[in-house]
Amino acid sequence: MQPETMPPEELDTTLTALPLRIGVYIPDDLMEDWFAPGTGMNPVSEAALKAAEAYGRRFECEFKYYPERMEGVFWKWVPAL
């Protein structure tokens, strides 16, 4: 069983208030610590990526992982402009 951790409350607040088209960038090490502790981060585990995506949906945010930048990004989806 993996230890339970979660993103800090400040991230909840940030994603709730996030304006459209603005991103929040989370580096690999924090993604693993917050979303799937102990699963590895080189590369980031599939468990961490799935947990981050599910977490973002709680705040109506999209999530994408960029391995070349070693970070994940949350942003509010923009309806057709």
C-alpha atoms as a PDB file:
ATOM      1  CA  MET A   1       0.000   0.000   0.000  1.00  0.00           C
ATOM      2  CA  GLN A   2       1.320   3.434  -0.961  1.00  0.00           C
ATOM      3  CA  PRO A   3       1.407   6.304   1.546  1.00  0.00           C
ATOM      4  CA  GLU A   4      -1.481   8.727   1.192  1.00  0.00           C
ATOM      5  CA  THR A   5      -0.571  12.242   0.158  1.00  0.00           C
ATOM      6  CA  MET A   6      -2.404  14.845  -1.776  1.00  0.00           C
ATOM      7  CA  PRO A   7      -1.816  18.200  -3.402  1.00  0.00           C
ATOM      8  CA  PRO A   8      -1.735  21.141  -1.010  1.00  0.00           C
ATOM      9  CA  GLU A   9      -4.976  22.957  -0.328  1.00  0.00           C
ATOM     10  CA  GLU A  10      -3.539  26.012  -2.098  1.00  0.00           C
ATOM     11  CA  LEU A  11      -3.583  24.074  -5.384  1.00  0.00           C
ATOM     12  CA  ASP A  12      -7.306  23.357  -4.896  1.00  0.00           C
ATOM     13  CA  THR A  13      -7.856  27.083  -4.399  1.00  0.00           C
ATOM     14  CA  THR A  14      -5.716  27.982  -7.406  1.00  0.00           C
ATOM     15  CA  LEU A  15      -7.457  25.571  -9.775  1.00  0.00           C
ATOM     16  CA  THR A  16     -10.871  26.713  -8.563  1.00  0.00           C
ATOM     17  CA  ALA A  17     -10.028  30.349  -9.349  1.00  0.00           C
ATOM     18  CA  LEU A  18      -7.940  29.658 -12.482  1.00  0.00           C
ATOM     19  CA  PRO A  19      -8.917  31.937 -15.379  1.00  0.00           C
ATOM     20  CA  LEU A  20      -9.455  30.454 -18.833  1.00  0.00           C
ATOM     21  CA  ARG A  21      -6.312  29.896 -20.915  1.00  0.00           C
ATOM     22  CA  ILE A  22      -3.936  30.190 -17.938  1.00  0.00           C
ATOM     23  CA  GLY A  23      -1.907  27.137 -16.892  1.00  0.00           C
ATOM     24  CA  VAL A  24      -0.562  25.741 -13.648  1.00  0.00           C
ATOM     25  CA  TYR A  25       2.663  23.796 -14.130  1.00  0.00           C
ATOM     26  CA  ILE A  26       3.628  20.936 -11.812  1.00  0.00           C
ATOM     27  CA  PRO A  27       7.144  19.424 -12.003  1.00  0.00           C
ATOM     28  CA  ASP A  28       7.652  15.636 -12.131  1.00  0.00           C
ATOM     29  CA  ASP A  29       8.816  15.226  -8.560  1.00  0.00           C
ATOM     30  CA  LEU A  30       5.752  16.941  -7.119  1.00  0.00           C
ATOM     31  CA  MET A  31       3.418  15.029  -9.432  1.00  0.00           C
ATOM     32  CA  GLU A  32       4.726  11.739  -8.092  1.00  0.00           C
ATOM     33  CA  ASP A  33       4.677  12.957  -4.471  1.00  0.00           C
ATOM     34  CA  TRP A  34       1.135  14.320  -4.693  1.00  0.00           C
ATOM     35  CA  PHE A  35      -0.657  11.911  -7.018  1.00  0.00           C
ATOM     36  CA  ALA A  36       1.029   8.489  -6.694  1.00  0.00           C
ATOM     37  CA  PRO A  37       3.718   8.445  -4.008  1.00  0.00           C
ATOM     38  CA  GLY A  38       6.299   5.709  -4.320  1.00  0.00           C
ATOM     39  CA  THR A  39       5.464   4.796  -7.920  1.00  0.00           C
ATOM     40  CA  GLY A  40       8.508   6.416  -9.532  1.00  0.00           C
ATOM     41  CA  MET A  41       9.072   9.533 -11.545  1.00  0.00           C
ATOM     42  CA  ASN A  42      11.583   8.690 -14.252  1.00  0.00           C
ATOM     43  CA  PRO A  43       9.330   8.486 -16.161  1.00  0.00           C
ATOM     44  CA  VAL A  44       6.322   9.620 -14.158  1.00  0.00           C
ATOM     45  CA  SER A  45       4.090   6.629 -13.467  1.00  0.00           C
ATOM     46  CA  GLU A  46       0.855   6.033 -15.329  1.00  0.00           C
ATOM     47  CA  ALA A  47      -0.864   5.965 -11.911  1.00  0.00           C
ATOM     48  CA  ALA A  48       0.339   9.508 -11.164  1.00  0.00           C
ATOM     49  CA  LEU A  49      -0.798  10.768 -14.572  1.00  0.00           C
ATOM     50  CA  LYS A  50      -4.255   9.212 -14.229  1.00  0.00           C
ATOM     51  CA  ALA A  51      -4.636  10.542 -10.688  1.00  0.00           C
ATOM     52  CA  ALA A  52      -3.579  14.047 -11.800  1.00  0.00           C
ATOM     53  CA  GLU A  53      -6.076  13.965 -14.670  1.00  0.00           C
ATOM     54  CA  ALA A  54      -8.889  12.896 -12.314  1.00  0.00           C
ATOM     55  CA  TYR A  55      -7.871  15.581  -9.819  1.00  0.00           C
ATOM     56  CA  GLY A  56      -8.008  18.267 -12.523  1.00  0.00           C
ATOM     57  CA  ARG A  57     -11.509  17.221 -13.572  1.00  0.00           C
ATOM     58  CA  ARG A  58     -12.697  17.991 -10.024  1.00  0.00           C
ATOM     59  CA  PHE A  59     -11.931  21.638 -10.831  1.00  0.00           C
ATOM     60  CA  GLU A  60     -13.113  21.546 -14.470  1.00  0.00           C
ATOM     61  CA  CYS A  61      -9.486  21.577 -15.629  1.00  0.00           C
ATOM     62  CA  GLU A  62      -7.793  19.740 -18.444  1.00  0.00           C
ATOM     63  CA  PHE A  63      -4.471  18.039 -17.745  1.00  0.00           C
ATOM     64  CA  LYS A  64      -1.591  17.141 -20.018  1.00  0.00           C
ATOM     65  CA  TYR A  65       1.839  15.760 -19.246  1.00  0.00           C
ATOM     66  CA  TYR A  66       4.859  17.017 -21.205  1.00  0.00           C
ATOM     67  CA  PRO A  67       7.749  14.545 -20.791  1.00  0.00           C
ATOM     68  CA  GLU A  68      10.219  16.776 -22.656  1.00  0.00           C
ATOM     69  CA  ARG A  69       9.563  19.547 -20.108  1.00  0.00           C
ATOM     70  CA  MET A  70       9.260  17.099 -17.189  1.00  0.00           C
ATOM     71  CA  GLU A  71       6.021  18.691 -16.002  1.00  0.00           C
ATOM     72  CA  GLY A  72       2.280  18.387 -16.080  1.00  0.00           C
ATOM     73  CA  VAL A  73      -0.067  21.277 -16.822  1.00  0.00           C
ATOM     74  CA  PHE A  74      -3.591  22.002 -15.599  1.00  0.00           C
ATOM     75  CA  TRP A  75      -5.739  24.580 -17.398  1.00  0.00           C
ATOM     76  CA  LYS A  76      -9.374  25.519 -17.803  1.00  0.00           C
ATOM     77  CA  TRP A  77     -10.876  24.312 -21.047  1.00  0.00           C
ATOM     78  CA  VAL A  78     -11.814  27.084 -23.419  1.00  0.00           C
ATOM     79  CA  PRO A  79     -15.142  26.747 -25.229  1.00  0.00           C
ATOM     80  CA  ALA A  80     -14.981  27.382 -28.971  1.00  0.00           C
ATOM     81  CA  LEU A  81     -13.737  30.906 -29.508  1.00  0.00           C
END
